[in-house]
Structures are given as C-alpha cells and as structure tokens.
Amino acid sequence: MEKIEFIEPNEAEIKAAQMPHNIFLTNLIVNHILLFTGISAFGPRFFIFMLFVPMFSIATLSYIFYRAHKIKQEDSQFVFIHWQIARRWSVLFSYVLLLLTSVSFLGWLANTYLGLMKEAVYGFIGGLGLLPTMLSVFILLVIESDSLNCARSGILPKWAKRRFLGDED
C-alpha cells in the first residue's frame, strides 16, 4: 500500500476538490443504478426513456473531461489532482460504456443481418456488455467514494501526485 500525503488545503479547496467526485458518483448512483433500474422496472413500454441514461452519462462525463482539462495546477495543486483523479476513472468508465455500445450494436447486427435468435443476442449483450458495465459501476462506486473521502480529509494519494505532477518524492 502506498503512503498517503497529508496537505493542508483550506475549506474552499476542499469543497472544490469534492466536486468532481460528487459529479461522478451522482452519475453512477442516480443515473446508472437508480434511473436505469427504475425505468427497467416499468417494462418494455417505457424503454424509450432509457435514452436518458446515456444522455445524462455523456453530459456528466463530458463536463468532467472539460473541467479537468481547463483547471490549472497553479491555482491549487490539491484541486487539480482531484479533478485529474476523477478524469482518470471517467476515462475508464467511458471505455466500458463504449464496450457496451459496441456489443449492443454487434448484437443488433447479428440479429438483423445474420438471423441470430433474439435470446442469443440477449445473452451476448448481457454477458459481454451489461455484466462488465454493472461490475465497473460497482467497483468505480467504491473507488470514487474513497477518492471523495480523500478530498474531504485533505489527503492526496502519492500515486496521484507522482502521476499528475511528476513528483518523485
């Protein structure tokens, strides 16, 4: 386990460092768990509302990417590093969502043009698309909760400082 570095950020920096983690956790919990489950529970008639899930996710991930790119480390290294941590996990989650989209598209192609049975396509999409997405949501939920706790406590992981600032201490 790597050592964690304690720094003394002020209250404004702590609040600003919590924001990217709060945004990412909101996307995971509210969007990918509660909204997805809620819409799924209503049945196939309401599946058109499932479009809100990727739209909201794209919007939140885009905002995290934009803000992480625009924030300057000269303003506050503590806030800068926490935005970069959230961006790092957002990139991973974007790849998982890209995998889900690709597998779903391939399943649709296989059903439409190759005559693959609907049940086989559901198994294909569920096993290779939905299962990795659900697992990554739960794993990222734990990781981001820990990152949010670090931001609240004024803690900066050594790996993050080394990776985003190039410190070798």
N, C-alpha and C. Protein backbone atom coordinates (compact mmCIF):
# COMPACT_ATOMS: atom_id res chain seq x y z
N MET A 1 0.85 -1.18 0.00
CA MET A 1 0.00 0.00 0.00
C MET A 1 0.89 1.23 0.00
N GLU A 2 0.56 2.16 -0.86
CA GLU A 2 1.37 3.38 -0.96
C GLU A 2 1.02 4.34 0.15
N LYS A 3 2.00 5.14 0.49
CA LYS A 3 1.78 6.15 1.51
C LYS A 3 0.88 7.25 0.97
N ILE A 4 0.17 7.86 1.89
CA ILE A 4 -0.72 8.96 1.53
C ILE A 4 -0.13 10.23 2.12
N GLU A 5 -0.16 11.28 1.34
CA GLU A 5 0.41 12.54 1.80
C GLU A 5 -0.70 13.45 2.31
N PHE A 6 -0.49 13.97 3.50
CA PHE A 6 -1.43 14.92 4.08
C PHE A 6 -0.96 16.32 3.74
N ILE A 7 -1.86 17.11 3.21
CA ILE A 7 -1.55 18.52 2.97
C ILE A 7 -2.63 19.34 3.64
N GLU A 8 -2.39 20.61 3.75
CA GLU A 8 -3.30 21.50 4.46
C GLU A 8 -4.08 22.39 3.49
N PRO A 9 -5.09 21.87 2.84
CA PRO A 9 -5.90 22.72 1.98
C PRO A 9 -6.90 23.53 2.82
N ASN A 10 -7.30 24.66 2.29
CA ASN A 10 -8.30 25.44 3.00
C ASN A 10 -9.70 24.90 2.66
N GLU A 11 -10.71 25.47 3.29
CA GLU A 11 -12.09 24.98 3.11
C GLU A 11 -12.56 25.11 1.67
N ALA A 12 -12.19 26.19 1.01
CA ALA A 12 -12.61 26.38 -0.38
C ALA A 12 -11.99 25.33 -1.29
N GLU A 13 -10.73 25.00 -1.03
CA GLU A 13 -10.08 23.97 -1.83
C GLU A 13 -10.69 22.59 -1.58
N ILE A 14 -11.04 22.31 -0.35
CA ILE A 14 -11.66 21.03 -0.03
C ILE A 14 -13.00 20.91 -0.74
N LYS A 15 -13.78 21.98 -0.71
CA LYS A 15 -15.08 21.96 -1.38
C LYS A 15 -14.91 21.82 -2.89
N ALA A 16 -13.94 22.50 -3.46
CA ALA A 16 -13.71 22.42 -4.90
C ALA A 16 -13.18 21.04 -5.30
N ALA A 17 -12.39 20.41 -4.44
CA ALA A 17 -11.84 19.09 -4.74
C ALA A 17 -12.90 17.99 -4.65
N GLN A 18 -13.95 18.24 -3.88
CA GLN A 18 -15.03 17.26 -3.77
C GLN A 18 -15.94 17.24 -4.99
N MET A 19 -16.01 18.37 -5.70
CA MET A 19 -16.97 18.49 -6.80
C MET A 19 -16.83 17.43 -7.88
N PRO A 20 -15.64 17.13 -8.42
CA PRO A 20 -15.59 16.12 -9.49
C PRO A 20 -16.02 14.73 -9.01
N HIS A 21 -15.70 14.41 -7.77
CA HIS A 21 -16.09 13.10 -7.25
C HIS A 21 -17.59 13.04 -7.02
N ASN A 22 -18.18 14.14 -6.55
CA ASN A 22 -19.64 14.19 -6.39
C ASN A 22 -20.36 14.03 -7.72
N ILE A 23 -19.85 14.69 -8.75
CA ILE A 23 -20.46 14.60 -10.07
C ILE A 23 -20.38 13.16 -10.59
N PHE A 24 -19.22 12.56 -10.48
CA PHE A 24 -19.04 11.20 -10.98
C PHE A 24 -19.89 10.21 -10.19
N LEU A 25 -19.94 10.36 -8.87
CA LEU A 25 -20.77 9.47 -8.05
C LEU A 25 -22.25 9.66 -8.35
N THR A 26 -22.67 10.88 -8.62
CA THR A 26 -24.07 11.12 -9.00
C THR A 26 -24.39 10.40 -10.29
N ASN A 27 -23.48 10.44 -11.24
CA ASN A 27 -23.69 9.73 -12.49
C ASN A 27 -23.82 8.23 -12.24
N LEU A 28 -22.96 7.68 -11.39
CA LEU A 28 -23.00 6.25 -11.14
C LEU A 28 -24.26 5.83 -10.37
N ILE A 29 -24.54 6.54 -9.28
CA ILE A 29 -25.64 6.12 -8.39
C ILE A 29 -27.00 6.49 -8.97
N VAL A 30 -27.20 7.76 -9.23
CA VAL A 30 -28.52 8.21 -9.67
C VAL A 30 -28.84 7.73 -11.07
N ASN A 31 -27.87 7.86 -11.96
CA ASN A 31 -28.14 7.55 -13.36
C ASN A 31 -28.06 6.05 -13.65
N HIS A 32 -26.91 5.46 -13.39
CA HIS A 32 -26.70 4.08 -13.82
C HIS A 32 -27.30 3.05 -12.89
N ILE A 33 -27.63 3.40 -11.68
CA ILE A 33 -28.26 2.43 -10.79
C ILE A 33 -29.74 2.75 -10.62
N LEU A 34 -30.08 3.92 -10.09
CA LEU A 34 -31.47 4.21 -9.77
C LEU A 34 -32.33 4.45 -11.01
N LEU A 35 -31.90 5.32 -11.91
CA LEU A 35 -32.70 5.64 -13.09
C LEU A 35 -32.83 4.42 -14.00
N PHE A 36 -31.72 3.72 -14.24
CA PHE A 36 -31.76 2.54 -15.09
C PHE A 36 -32.69 1.48 -14.52
N THR A 37 -32.57 1.21 -13.22
CA THR A 37 -33.41 0.21 -12.58
C THR A 37 -34.87 0.64 -12.56
N GLY A 38 -35.10 1.92 -12.28
CA GLY A 38 -36.47 2.42 -12.25
C GLY A 38 -37.16 2.32 -13.59
N ILE A 39 -36.49 2.70 -14.64
CA ILE A 39 -37.09 2.62 -15.98
C ILE A 39 -37.26 1.16 -16.40
N SER A 40 -36.31 0.32 -16.07
CA SER A 40 -36.41 -1.11 -16.43
C SER A 40 -37.59 -1.78 -15.74
N ALA A 41 -37.91 -1.33 -14.55
CA ALA A 41 -39.00 -1.95 -13.78
C ALA A 41 -40.37 -1.69 -14.40
N PHE A 42 -40.50 -0.64 -15.20
CA PHE A 42 -41.79 -0.32 -15.79
C PHE A 42 -42.11 -1.14 -17.03
N GLY A 43 -41.15 -1.86 -17.55
CA GLY A 43 -41.42 -2.74 -18.67
C GLY A 43 -41.07 -2.13 -20.02
N PRO A 44 -41.31 -2.90 -21.09
CA PRO A 44 -40.87 -2.51 -22.43
C PRO A 44 -41.55 -1.24 -22.98
N ARG A 45 -42.72 -0.92 -22.47
CA ARG A 45 -43.41 0.28 -22.99
C ARG A 45 -42.62 1.56 -22.70
N PHE A 46 -41.82 1.56 -21.66
CA PHE A 46 -41.11 2.76 -21.25
C PHE A 46 -39.62 2.71 -21.58
N PHE A 47 -39.20 1.74 -22.41
CA PHE A 47 -37.78 1.63 -22.74
C PHE A 47 -37.26 2.82 -23.53
N ILE A 48 -38.13 3.60 -24.14
CA ILE A 48 -37.67 4.80 -24.86
C ILE A 48 -37.05 5.79 -23.88
N PHE A 49 -37.51 5.76 -22.64
CA PHE A 49 -36.95 6.65 -21.62
C PHE A 49 -35.55 6.22 -21.19
N MET A 50 -35.15 5.01 -21.60
CA MET A 50 -33.80 4.52 -21.33
C MET A 50 -32.76 5.42 -22.00
N LEU A 51 -33.16 6.18 -22.99
CA LEU A 51 -32.24 7.10 -23.66
C LEU A 51 -31.72 8.19 -22.73
N PHE A 52 -32.46 8.46 -21.65
CA PHE A 52 -32.00 9.45 -20.69
C PHE A 52 -30.71 9.01 -19.99
N VAL A 53 -30.55 7.71 -19.80
CA VAL A 53 -29.37 7.19 -19.09
C VAL A 53 -28.08 7.52 -19.85
N PRO A 54 -27.94 7.15 -21.13
CA PRO A 54 -26.69 7.52 -21.82
C PRO A 54 -26.54 9.02 -22.05
N MET A 55 -27.66 9.72 -22.26
CA MET A 55 -27.56 11.17 -22.47
C MET A 55 -27.01 11.86 -21.22
N PHE A 56 -27.54 11.50 -20.06
CA PHE A 56 -27.07 12.08 -18.81
C PHE A 56 -25.62 11.68 -18.53
N SER A 57 -25.28 10.43 -18.84
CA SER A 57 -23.92 9.96 -18.61
C SER A 57 -22.92 10.68 -19.51
N ILE A 58 -23.26 10.84 -20.77
CA ILE A 58 -22.38 11.57 -21.69
C ILE A 58 -22.20 13.01 -21.24
N ALA A 59 -23.28 13.62 -20.77
CA ALA A 59 -23.20 15.01 -20.31
C ALA A 59 -22.29 15.13 -19.08
N THR A 60 -22.44 14.24 -18.11
CA THR A 60 -21.60 14.35 -16.91
C THR A 60 -20.15 14.00 -17.20
N LEU A 61 -19.91 12.98 -17.99
CA LEU A 61 -18.53 12.63 -18.32
C LEU A 61 -17.86 13.73 -19.14
N SER A 62 -18.61 14.33 -20.06
CA SER A 62 -18.06 15.43 -20.85
C SER A 62 -17.71 16.62 -19.97
N TYR A 63 -18.56 16.91 -18.99
CA TYR A 63 -18.27 18.01 -18.07
C TYR A 63 -17.01 17.73 -17.26
N ILE A 64 -16.86 16.50 -16.80
CA ILE A 64 -15.65 16.15 -16.04
C ILE A 64 -14.41 16.30 -16.92
N PHE A 65 -14.48 15.81 -18.16
CA PHE A 65 -13.34 15.94 -19.08
C PHE A 65 -13.02 17.41 -19.35
N TYR A 66 -14.05 18.21 -19.58
CA TYR A 66 -13.86 19.63 -19.87
C TYR A 66 -13.22 20.36 -18.69
N ARG A 67 -13.79 20.17 -17.50
CA ARG A 67 -13.26 20.87 -16.32
C ARG A 67 -11.86 20.39 -15.95
N ALA A 68 -11.60 19.11 -16.09
CA ALA A 68 -10.26 18.58 -15.77
C ALA A 68 -9.23 19.13 -16.74
N HIS A 69 -9.65 19.38 -17.96
CA HIS A 69 -8.73 19.95 -18.95
C HIS A 69 -8.49 21.44 -18.69
N LYS A 70 -9.50 22.15 -18.22
CA LYS A 70 -9.40 23.59 -18.03
C LYS A 70 -8.77 24.02 -16.72
N ILE A 71 -8.80 23.15 -15.72
CA ILE A 71 -8.29 23.56 -14.41
C ILE A 71 -6.77 23.65 -14.46
N LYS A 72 -6.24 24.65 -13.80
CA LYS A 72 -4.79 24.90 -13.80
C LYS A 72 -4.20 24.44 -12.47
N GLN A 73 -3.06 23.80 -12.54
CA GLN A 73 -2.43 23.34 -11.31
C GLN A 73 -1.84 24.50 -10.52
N GLU A 74 -1.64 25.65 -11.17
CA GLU A 74 -1.12 26.80 -10.45
C GLU A 74 -2.15 27.36 -9.48
N ASP A 75 -3.43 27.17 -9.77
CA ASP A 75 -4.47 27.67 -8.87
C ASP A 75 -4.43 26.92 -7.53
N SER A 76 -4.50 25.58 -7.61
CA SER A 76 -4.41 24.74 -6.42
C SER A 76 -4.06 23.34 -6.87
N GLN A 77 -2.91 22.87 -6.43
CA GLN A 77 -2.50 21.52 -6.82
C GLN A 77 -3.45 20.48 -6.25
N PHE A 78 -3.98 20.73 -5.07
CA PHE A 78 -4.90 19.80 -4.44
C PHE A 78 -6.15 19.61 -5.29
N VAL A 79 -6.75 20.71 -5.72
CA VAL A 79 -7.96 20.66 -6.55
C VAL A 79 -7.63 20.07 -7.92
N PHE A 80 -6.51 20.48 -8.48
CA PHE A 80 -6.09 19.98 -9.79
C PHE A 80 -5.97 18.46 -9.78
N ILE A 81 -5.31 17.92 -8.78
CA ILE A 81 -5.09 16.47 -8.73
C ILE A 81 -6.41 15.73 -8.54
N HIS A 82 -7.32 16.26 -7.75
CA HIS A 82 -8.61 15.58 -7.56
C HIS A 82 -9.45 15.60 -8.85
N TRP A 83 -9.37 16.68 -9.62
CA TRP A 83 -10.05 16.68 -10.92
C TRP A 83 -9.43 15.64 -11.85
N GLN A 84 -8.10 15.51 -11.78
CA GLN A 84 -7.43 14.53 -12.65
C GLN A 84 -7.75 13.10 -12.23
N ILE A 85 -7.91 12.86 -10.94
CA ILE A 85 -8.31 11.53 -10.46
C ILE A 85 -9.70 11.18 -11.00
N ALA A 86 -10.63 12.12 -10.89
CA ALA A 86 -11.98 11.87 -11.41
C ALA A 86 -11.96 11.67 -12.92
N ARG A 87 -11.11 12.41 -13.61
CA ARG A 87 -10.98 12.26 -15.06
C ARG A 87 -10.44 10.87 -15.41
N ARG A 88 -9.48 10.41 -14.63
CA ARG A 88 -8.89 9.09 -14.89
C ARG A 88 -9.95 8.00 -14.82
N TRP A 89 -10.79 8.01 -13.80
CA TRP A 89 -11.83 6.99 -13.68
C TRP A 89 -12.94 7.22 -14.69
N SER A 90 -13.15 8.45 -15.10
CA SER A 90 -14.15 8.73 -16.15
C SER A 90 -13.70 8.15 -17.49
N VAL A 91 -12.41 8.20 -17.76
CA VAL A 91 -11.89 7.60 -19.00
C VAL A 91 -12.13 6.10 -18.99
N LEU A 92 -11.84 5.46 -17.87
CA LEU A 92 -12.08 4.03 -17.76
C LEU A 92 -13.56 3.70 -17.97
N PHE A 93 -14.42 4.48 -17.32
CA PHE A 93 -15.86 4.24 -17.45
C PHE A 93 -16.34 4.51 -18.87
N SER A 94 -15.75 5.47 -19.55
CA SER A 94 -16.11 5.73 -20.95
C SER A 94 -15.77 4.54 -21.83
N TYR A 95 -14.64 3.90 -21.57
CA TYR A 95 -14.28 2.70 -22.33
C TYR A 95 -15.26 1.57 -22.08
N VAL A 96 -15.71 1.44 -20.85
CA VAL A 96 -16.68 0.39 -20.53
C VAL A 96 -18.00 0.68 -21.24
N LEU A 97 -18.43 1.93 -21.26
CA LEU A 97 -19.66 2.28 -21.97
C LEU A 97 -19.51 2.10 -23.47
N LEU A 98 -18.31 2.35 -24.00
CA LEU A 98 -18.04 2.10 -25.42
C LEU A 98 -18.12 0.60 -25.71
N LEU A 99 -17.62 -0.23 -24.80
CA LEU A 99 -17.74 -1.67 -24.95
C LEU A 99 -19.20 -2.09 -24.99
N LEU A 100 -20.01 -1.57 -24.08
CA LEU A 100 -21.44 -1.88 -24.04
C LEU A 100 -22.12 -1.48 -25.35
N THR A 101 -21.80 -0.29 -25.83
CA THR A 101 -22.40 0.19 -27.08
C THR A 101 -21.98 -0.69 -28.26
N SER A 102 -20.71 -1.05 -28.32
CA SER A 102 -20.21 -1.88 -29.42
C SER A 102 -20.84 -3.27 -29.40
N VAL A 103 -20.91 -3.87 -28.23
CA VAL A 103 -21.51 -5.21 -28.12
C VAL A 103 -23.00 -5.16 -28.48
N SER A 104 -23.69 -4.11 -28.04
CA SER A 104 -25.10 -3.97 -28.37
C SER A 104 -25.30 -3.80 -29.87
N PHE A 105 -24.46 -3.00 -30.49
CA PHE A 105 -24.55 -2.81 -31.94
C PHE A 105 -24.26 -4.10 -32.69
N LEU A 106 -23.22 -4.84 -32.25
CA LEU A 106 -22.91 -6.12 -32.89
C LEU A 106 -24.05 -7.13 -32.70
N GLY A 107 -24.68 -7.11 -31.54
CA GLY A 107 -25.83 -7.98 -31.31
C GLY A 107 -26.99 -7.64 -32.21
N TRP A 108 -27.24 -6.36 -32.38
CA TRP A 108 -28.31 -5.93 -33.29
C TRP A 108 -28.00 -6.35 -34.72
N LEU A 109 -26.72 -6.16 -35.14
CA LEU A 109 -26.32 -6.58 -36.49
C LEU A 109 -26.49 -8.09 -36.67
N ALA A 110 -26.08 -8.86 -35.66
CA ALA A 110 -26.19 -10.31 -35.75
C ALA A 110 -27.64 -10.75 -35.83
N ASN A 111 -28.51 -10.08 -35.11
CA ASN A 111 -29.93 -10.43 -35.15
C ASN A 111 -30.56 -10.02 -36.47
N THR A 112 -30.23 -8.84 -36.94
CA THR A 112 -30.87 -8.30 -38.14
C THR A 112 -30.35 -8.94 -39.41
N TYR A 113 -29.05 -9.06 -39.55
CA TYR A 113 -28.48 -9.50 -40.82
C TYR A 113 -28.01 -10.95 -40.85
N LEU A 114 -27.73 -11.52 -39.69
CA LEU A 114 -27.27 -12.90 -39.66
C LEU A 114 -28.33 -13.87 -39.16
N GLY A 115 -29.46 -13.34 -38.73
CA GLY A 115 -30.56 -14.18 -38.28
C GLY A 115 -30.34 -14.86 -36.94
N LEU A 116 -29.46 -14.30 -36.12
CA LEU A 116 -29.23 -14.87 -34.80
C LEU A 116 -30.49 -14.71 -33.95
N MET A 117 -30.81 -15.74 -33.17
CA MET A 117 -32.02 -15.71 -32.35
C MET A 117 -31.97 -14.56 -31.34
N LYS A 118 -33.14 -14.03 -31.07
CA LYS A 118 -33.26 -12.91 -30.13
C LYS A 118 -32.70 -13.27 -28.75
N GLU A 119 -32.96 -14.48 -28.28
CA GLU A 119 -32.48 -14.92 -26.98
C GLU A 119 -30.95 -15.00 -26.94
N ALA A 120 -30.35 -15.43 -28.04
CA ALA A 120 -28.89 -15.49 -28.11
C ALA A 120 -28.29 -14.09 -28.08
N VAL A 121 -28.95 -13.16 -28.74
CA VAL A 121 -28.48 -11.77 -28.74
C VAL A 121 -28.58 -11.19 -27.34
N TYR A 122 -29.67 -11.48 -26.63
CA TYR A 122 -29.81 -11.01 -25.26
C TYR A 122 -28.69 -11.56 -24.37
N GLY A 123 -28.37 -12.83 -24.54
CA GLY A 123 -27.28 -13.43 -23.77
C GLY A 123 -25.94 -12.81 -24.12
N PHE A 124 -25.72 -12.56 -25.40
CA PHE A 124 -24.49 -11.93 -25.88
C PHE A 124 -24.33 -10.54 -25.29
N ILE A 125 -25.37 -9.74 -25.39
CA ILE A 125 -25.32 -8.36 -24.87
C ILE A 125 -25.23 -8.36 -23.35
N GLY A 126 -25.97 -9.25 -22.70
CA GLY A 126 -25.95 -9.30 -21.24
C GLY A 126 -24.60 -9.74 -20.70
N GLY A 127 -24.02 -10.77 -21.30
CA GLY A 127 -22.76 -11.31 -20.79
C GLY A 127 -21.54 -10.50 -21.14
N LEU A 128 -21.51 -9.95 -22.36
CA LEU A 128 -20.32 -9.21 -22.80
C LEU A 128 -20.48 -7.70 -22.71
N GLY A 129 -21.70 -7.22 -22.46
CA GLY A 129 -21.92 -5.78 -22.40
C GLY A 129 -22.42 -5.31 -21.05
N LEU A 130 -23.56 -5.85 -20.61
CA LEU A 130 -24.16 -5.37 -19.37
C LEU A 130 -23.40 -5.82 -18.12
N LEU A 131 -22.93 -7.05 -18.11
CA LEU A 131 -22.22 -7.55 -16.93
C LEU A 131 -20.94 -6.75 -16.64
N PRO A 132 -20.06 -6.51 -17.63
CA PRO A 132 -18.89 -5.67 -17.33
C PRO A 132 -19.27 -4.25 -16.93
N THR A 133 -20.35 -3.73 -17.49
CA THR A 133 -20.79 -2.38 -17.13
C THR A 133 -21.24 -2.33 -15.68
N MET A 134 -22.05 -3.30 -15.27
CA MET A 134 -22.53 -3.32 -13.88
C MET A 134 -21.37 -3.52 -12.90
N LEU A 135 -20.46 -4.41 -13.23
CA LEU A 135 -19.31 -4.62 -12.34
C LEU A 135 -18.46 -3.37 -12.23
N SER A 136 -18.24 -2.69 -13.35
CA SER A 136 -17.43 -1.48 -13.30
C SER A 136 -18.14 -0.36 -12.53
N VAL A 137 -19.47 -0.28 -12.64
CA VAL A 137 -20.21 0.72 -11.87
C VAL A 137 -19.99 0.49 -10.38
N PHE A 138 -20.10 -0.75 -9.94
CA PHE A 138 -19.93 -1.03 -8.52
C PHE A 138 -18.50 -0.84 -8.05
N ILE A 139 -17.54 -1.25 -8.85
CA ILE A 139 -16.13 -1.06 -8.48
C ILE A 139 -15.78 0.43 -8.46
N LEU A 140 -16.21 1.17 -9.48
CA LEU A 140 -15.93 2.61 -9.52
C LEU A 140 -16.67 3.36 -8.41
N LEU A 141 -17.79 2.84 -7.99
CA LEU A 141 -18.51 3.43 -6.86
C LEU A 141 -17.66 3.39 -5.60
N VAL A 142 -17.00 2.28 -5.36
CA VAL A 142 -16.12 2.15 -4.19
C VAL A 142 -14.89 3.03 -4.34
N ILE A 143 -14.28 3.01 -5.52
CA ILE A 143 -13.06 3.80 -5.76
C ILE A 143 -13.35 5.29 -5.62
N GLU A 144 -14.42 5.76 -6.22
CA GLU A 144 -14.75 7.18 -6.16
C GLU A 144 -15.19 7.60 -4.76
N SER A 145 -15.83 6.72 -4.03
CA SER A 145 -16.19 7.04 -2.64
C SER A 145 -14.93 7.25 -1.81
N ASP A 146 -13.92 6.42 -2.05
CA ASP A 146 -12.64 6.59 -1.36
C ASP A 146 -11.98 7.90 -1.79
N SER A 147 -12.04 8.23 -3.08
CA SER A 147 -11.45 9.49 -3.56
C SER A 147 -12.17 10.69 -2.95
N LEU A 148 -13.49 10.59 -2.83
CA LEU A 148 -14.25 11.67 -2.20
C LEU A 148 -13.86 11.82 -0.73
N ASN A 149 -13.66 10.71 -0.05
CA ASN A 149 -13.22 10.76 1.34
C ASN A 149 -11.83 11.39 1.45
N CYS A 150 -10.95 11.07 0.51
CA CYS A 150 -9.61 11.70 0.50
C CYS A 150 -9.73 13.21 0.31
N ALA A 151 -10.61 13.62 -0.59
CA ALA A 151 -10.79 15.06 -0.83
C ALA A 151 -11.34 15.75 0.42
N ARG A 152 -12.29 15.12 1.09
CA ARG A 152 -12.86 15.70 2.32
C ARG A 152 -11.82 15.81 3.43
N SER A 153 -10.90 14.86 3.47
CA SER A 153 -9.91 14.79 4.56
C SER A 153 -8.64 15.58 4.26
N GLY A 154 -8.54 16.13 3.07
CA GLY A 154 -7.32 16.85 2.71
C GLY A 154 -6.17 15.92 2.39
N ILE A 155 -6.49 14.73 1.94
CA ILE A 155 -5.47 13.71 1.64
C ILE A 155 -5.21 13.68 0.15
N LEU A 156 -3.96 13.50 -0.17
CA LEU A 156 -3.54 13.41 -1.56
C LEU A 156 -2.75 12.11 -1.74
N PRO A 157 -3.26 11.15 -2.51
CA PRO A 157 -2.51 9.91 -2.71
C PRO A 157 -1.17 10.18 -3.40
N LYS A 158 -0.15 9.47 -2.94
CA LYS A 158 1.20 9.64 -3.52
C LYS A 158 1.21 9.31 -5.01
N TRP A 159 0.47 8.25 -5.41
CA TRP A 159 0.47 7.86 -6.81
C TRP A 159 -0.10 8.97 -7.68
N ALA A 160 -1.10 9.68 -7.17
CA ALA A 160 -1.72 10.75 -7.95
C ALA A 160 -0.78 11.94 -8.10
N LYS A 161 -0.09 12.26 -7.01
CA LYS A 161 0.87 13.37 -7.07
C LYS A 161 2.01 13.04 -8.02
N ARG A 162 2.47 11.79 -7.96
CA ARG A 162 3.55 11.36 -8.85
C ARG A 162 3.08 11.35 -10.31
N ARG A 163 1.88 10.88 -10.53
CA ARG A 163 1.38 10.76 -11.90
C ARG A 163 1.01 12.10 -12.52
N PHE A 164 0.35 12.98 -11.78
CA PHE A 164 -0.18 14.20 -12.35
C PHE A 164 0.72 15.42 -12.19
N LEU A 165 1.66 15.36 -11.26
CA LEU A 165 2.59 16.47 -11.09
C LEU A 165 4.03 16.09 -11.40
N GLY A 166 4.30 14.80 -11.52
CA GLY A 166 5.64 14.34 -11.82
C GLY A 166 6.57 14.36 -10.63
N ASP A 167 6.03 14.44 -9.41
CA ASP A 167 6.87 14.43 -8.21
C ASP A 167 7.43 13.03 -7.98
N GLU A 168 8.69 12.96 -7.66
CA GLU A 168 9.34 11.68 -7.40
C GLU A 168 9.68 11.51 -5.93
N ASP A 169 9.18 12.38 -5.07
CA ASP A 169 9.47 12.30 -3.63
C ASP A 169 8.84 11.07 -3.01
